[in-house]
N, C-alpha and C. Protein backbone atom coordinates (compact mmCIF):
# COMPACT_ATOMS: atom_id res chain seq x y z
N MET A 1 0.82 -1.19 0.00
CA MET A 1 0.00 0.00 0.00
C MET A 1 0.87 1.25 0.00
N PHE A 2 1.96 1.22 0.77
CA PHE A 2 2.83 2.39 0.82
C PHE A 2 3.51 2.63 -0.52
N ALA A 3 3.82 1.54 -1.23
CA ALA A 3 4.47 1.69 -2.53
C ALA A 3 3.52 2.37 -3.53
N ILE A 4 2.25 2.04 -3.47
CA ILE A 4 1.28 2.66 -4.38
C ILE A 4 1.13 4.14 -4.05
N ARG A 5 1.11 4.46 -2.76
CA ARG A 5 0.98 5.87 -2.35
C ARG A 5 2.19 6.67 -2.82
N ASN A 6 3.38 6.10 -2.69
CA ASN A 6 4.59 6.79 -3.15
C ASN A 6 4.60 6.95 -4.66
N LEU A 7 4.09 5.94 -5.36
CA LEU A 7 4.04 6.00 -6.82
C LEU A 7 3.09 7.11 -7.28
N VAL A 8 1.93 7.21 -6.64
CA VAL A 8 0.97 8.26 -6.99
C VAL A 8 1.56 9.62 -6.69
N ARG A 9 2.24 9.77 -5.56
CA ARG A 9 2.83 11.05 -5.18
C ARG A 9 3.94 11.43 -6.15
N SER A 10 4.77 10.47 -6.54
CA SER A 10 5.86 10.80 -7.46
C SER A 10 5.33 11.15 -8.85
N ASN A 11 4.24 10.49 -9.29
CA ASN A 11 3.65 10.83 -10.58
C ASN A 11 3.06 12.23 -10.56
N ALA A 12 2.45 12.61 -9.45
CA ALA A 12 1.89 13.95 -9.34
C ALA A 12 2.99 14.99 -9.38
N GLN A 13 4.09 14.72 -8.69
CA GLN A 13 5.21 15.65 -8.70
C GLN A 13 5.83 15.75 -10.09
N LEU A 14 5.93 14.62 -10.78
CA LEU A 14 6.46 14.61 -12.14
C LEU A 14 5.56 15.42 -13.07
N ALA A 15 4.24 15.23 -12.97
CA ALA A 15 3.31 15.98 -13.81
C ALA A 15 3.40 17.47 -13.51
N LYS A 16 3.58 17.82 -12.25
CA LYS A 16 3.71 19.24 -11.88
C LYS A 16 4.97 19.85 -12.48
N ASN A 17 6.05 19.12 -12.46
CA ASN A 17 7.30 19.62 -13.03
C ASN A 17 7.23 19.73 -14.55
N VAL A 18 6.58 18.80 -15.20
CA VAL A 18 6.46 18.82 -16.65
C VAL A 18 5.61 20.02 -17.08
N ALA A 19 4.56 20.32 -16.34
CA ALA A 19 3.67 21.42 -16.72
C ALA A 19 4.36 22.77 -16.60
N GLN A 20 5.40 22.87 -15.78
CA GLN A 20 6.05 24.15 -15.57
C GLN A 20 7.19 24.42 -16.54
N VAL A 21 7.56 23.48 -17.35
CA VAL A 21 8.65 23.67 -18.30
C VAL A 21 8.17 24.54 -19.45
N ARG A 22 8.88 25.62 -19.73
CA ARG A 22 8.51 26.53 -20.80
C ARG A 22 9.73 26.86 -21.65
N ASN A 23 9.48 27.15 -22.90
CA ASN A 23 10.55 27.55 -23.79
C ASN A 23 10.50 29.07 -23.92
N MET A 24 11.43 29.74 -23.29
CA MET A 24 11.41 31.20 -23.28
C MET A 24 12.48 31.79 -24.20
N SER A 25 12.96 31.03 -25.15
CA SER A 25 14.02 31.53 -26.02
C SER A 25 13.50 32.35 -27.20
N VAL A 26 12.20 32.38 -27.41
CA VAL A 26 11.63 33.10 -28.54
C VAL A 26 11.40 34.56 -28.13
N THR A 27 11.90 35.48 -28.93
CA THR A 27 11.70 36.91 -28.65
C THR A 27 10.81 37.51 -29.72
N ALA A 28 9.96 38.43 -29.33
CA ALA A 28 9.06 39.07 -30.28
C ALA A 28 9.81 40.16 -31.04
N THR A 29 9.66 40.14 -32.34
CA THR A 29 10.29 41.15 -33.19
C THR A 29 9.25 41.68 -34.16
N PRO A 30 9.46 42.85 -34.71
CA PRO A 30 8.52 43.37 -35.71
C PRO A 30 8.49 42.48 -36.95
N ALA A 31 7.41 42.55 -37.68
CA ALA A 31 7.25 41.73 -38.88
C ALA A 31 8.30 42.09 -39.91
N ARG A 32 8.78 41.11 -40.62
CA ARG A 32 9.79 41.36 -41.66
C ARG A 32 9.14 41.88 -42.93
N ASN A 33 7.97 41.34 -43.27
CA ASN A 33 7.25 41.76 -44.47
C ASN A 33 5.89 42.28 -44.04
N LYS A 34 5.58 43.51 -44.40
CA LYS A 34 4.28 44.08 -44.05
C LYS A 34 3.20 43.48 -44.94
N VAL A 35 2.00 43.36 -44.37
CA VAL A 35 0.86 42.85 -45.12
C VAL A 35 0.27 44.01 -45.92
N SER A 36 -0.03 43.76 -47.19
CA SER A 36 -0.57 44.83 -48.04
C SER A 36 -1.99 45.19 -47.59
N LYS A 37 -2.42 46.39 -47.98
CA LYS A 37 -3.76 46.87 -47.59
C LYS A 37 -4.86 45.96 -48.13
N GLY A 38 -4.71 45.50 -49.37
CA GLY A 38 -5.71 44.62 -49.96
C GLY A 38 -5.82 43.31 -49.22
N GLU A 39 -4.67 42.72 -48.90
CA GLU A 39 -4.67 41.46 -48.16
C GLU A 39 -5.25 41.66 -46.77
N LEU A 40 -4.95 42.78 -46.14
CA LEU A 40 -5.48 43.08 -44.82
C LEU A 40 -7.00 43.20 -44.86
N ILE A 41 -7.53 43.86 -45.88
CA ILE A 41 -8.98 44.01 -46.02
C ILE A 41 -9.64 42.65 -46.25
N VAL A 42 -9.05 41.83 -47.11
CA VAL A 42 -9.61 40.50 -47.38
C VAL A 42 -9.60 39.64 -46.11
N LEU A 43 -8.49 39.62 -45.40
CA LEU A 43 -8.40 38.80 -44.20
C LEU A 43 -9.34 39.30 -43.11
N ALA A 44 -9.45 40.61 -42.95
CA ALA A 44 -10.35 41.17 -41.93
C ALA A 44 -11.80 40.86 -42.28
N SER A 45 -12.16 40.97 -43.55
CA SER A 45 -13.54 40.67 -43.93
C SER A 45 -13.85 39.18 -43.75
N MET A 46 -12.90 38.31 -44.01
CA MET A 46 -13.11 36.88 -43.78
C MET A 46 -13.31 36.60 -42.28
N MET A 47 -12.57 37.30 -41.43
CA MET A 47 -12.75 37.12 -39.99
C MET A 47 -14.13 37.58 -39.55
N VAL A 48 -14.58 38.74 -40.05
CA VAL A 48 -15.90 39.26 -39.67
C VAL A 48 -17.00 38.32 -40.16
N ILE A 49 -16.88 37.83 -41.39
CA ILE A 49 -17.86 36.89 -41.92
C ILE A 49 -17.87 35.61 -41.09
N GLY A 50 -16.70 35.13 -40.72
CA GLY A 50 -16.62 33.93 -39.90
C GLY A 50 -17.23 34.11 -38.53
N TRP A 51 -17.00 35.26 -37.91
CA TRP A 51 -17.57 35.52 -36.58
C TRP A 51 -19.08 35.67 -36.62
N SER A 52 -19.61 36.24 -37.69
CA SER A 52 -21.05 36.52 -37.74
C SER A 52 -21.85 35.45 -38.46
N ALA A 53 -21.23 34.40 -38.97
CA ALA A 53 -21.94 33.38 -39.74
C ALA A 53 -22.96 32.63 -38.88
N ILE A 54 -22.57 32.16 -37.71
CA ILE A 54 -23.49 31.38 -36.88
C ILE A 54 -24.61 32.26 -36.32
N PRO A 55 -24.34 33.44 -35.76
CA PRO A 55 -25.46 34.29 -35.33
C PRO A 55 -26.41 34.66 -36.47
N ALA A 56 -25.88 34.89 -37.66
CA ALA A 56 -26.75 35.21 -38.80
C ALA A 56 -27.61 34.00 -39.16
N TRP A 57 -27.02 32.81 -39.12
CA TRP A 57 -27.78 31.59 -39.43
C TRP A 57 -28.92 31.41 -38.43
N VAL A 58 -28.65 31.65 -37.16
CA VAL A 58 -29.68 31.52 -36.13
C VAL A 58 -30.78 32.55 -36.36
N LEU A 59 -30.42 33.79 -36.65
CA LEU A 59 -31.43 34.82 -36.86
C LEU A 59 -32.28 34.55 -38.10
N VAL A 60 -31.67 34.02 -39.15
CA VAL A 60 -32.43 33.70 -40.36
C VAL A 60 -33.41 32.56 -40.10
N ASN A 61 -33.01 31.58 -39.29
CA ASN A 61 -33.84 30.40 -39.04
C ASN A 61 -34.53 30.43 -37.69
N ILE A 62 -34.75 31.62 -37.12
CA ILE A 62 -35.35 31.72 -35.80
C ILE A 62 -36.78 31.19 -35.79
N LYS A 63 -37.49 31.28 -36.91
CA LYS A 63 -38.87 30.78 -36.95
C LYS A 63 -38.91 29.26 -36.77
N HIS A 64 -37.89 28.56 -37.24
CA HIS A 64 -37.85 27.11 -37.04
C HIS A 64 -37.60 26.75 -35.59
N TYR A 65 -36.87 27.57 -34.87
CA TYR A 65 -36.60 27.29 -33.46
C TYR A 65 -37.82 27.57 -32.60
N ARG A 66 -38.69 28.48 -33.04
CA ARG A 66 -39.86 28.84 -32.25
C ARG A 66 -41.07 27.96 -32.54
N ASP A 67 -41.01 27.15 -33.59
CA ASP A 67 -42.12 26.24 -33.90
C ASP A 67 -42.30 25.23 -32.77
N LYS A 68 -43.57 24.87 -32.50
CA LYS A 68 -43.84 23.89 -31.45
C LYS A 68 -44.27 22.56 -32.02
N ASN A 69 -43.90 22.27 -33.24
CA ASN A 69 -44.29 21.00 -33.88
C ASN A 69 -43.61 19.85 -33.23
């Protein structure tokens, strides 16, 4: 029984140590190549469409959700 308790304790300590390991060697630097205005507009519009797709779908089909059939 004591061996099992020690095994569980050592596994918990090992998991705690593994979770704390981080790679801090990466430094943030400015972008090397700037994104063009056209590409920025296209990417931003795709993000907005993606964010609003599900709420728009729900609003368009709200009558189906309110049916009591």
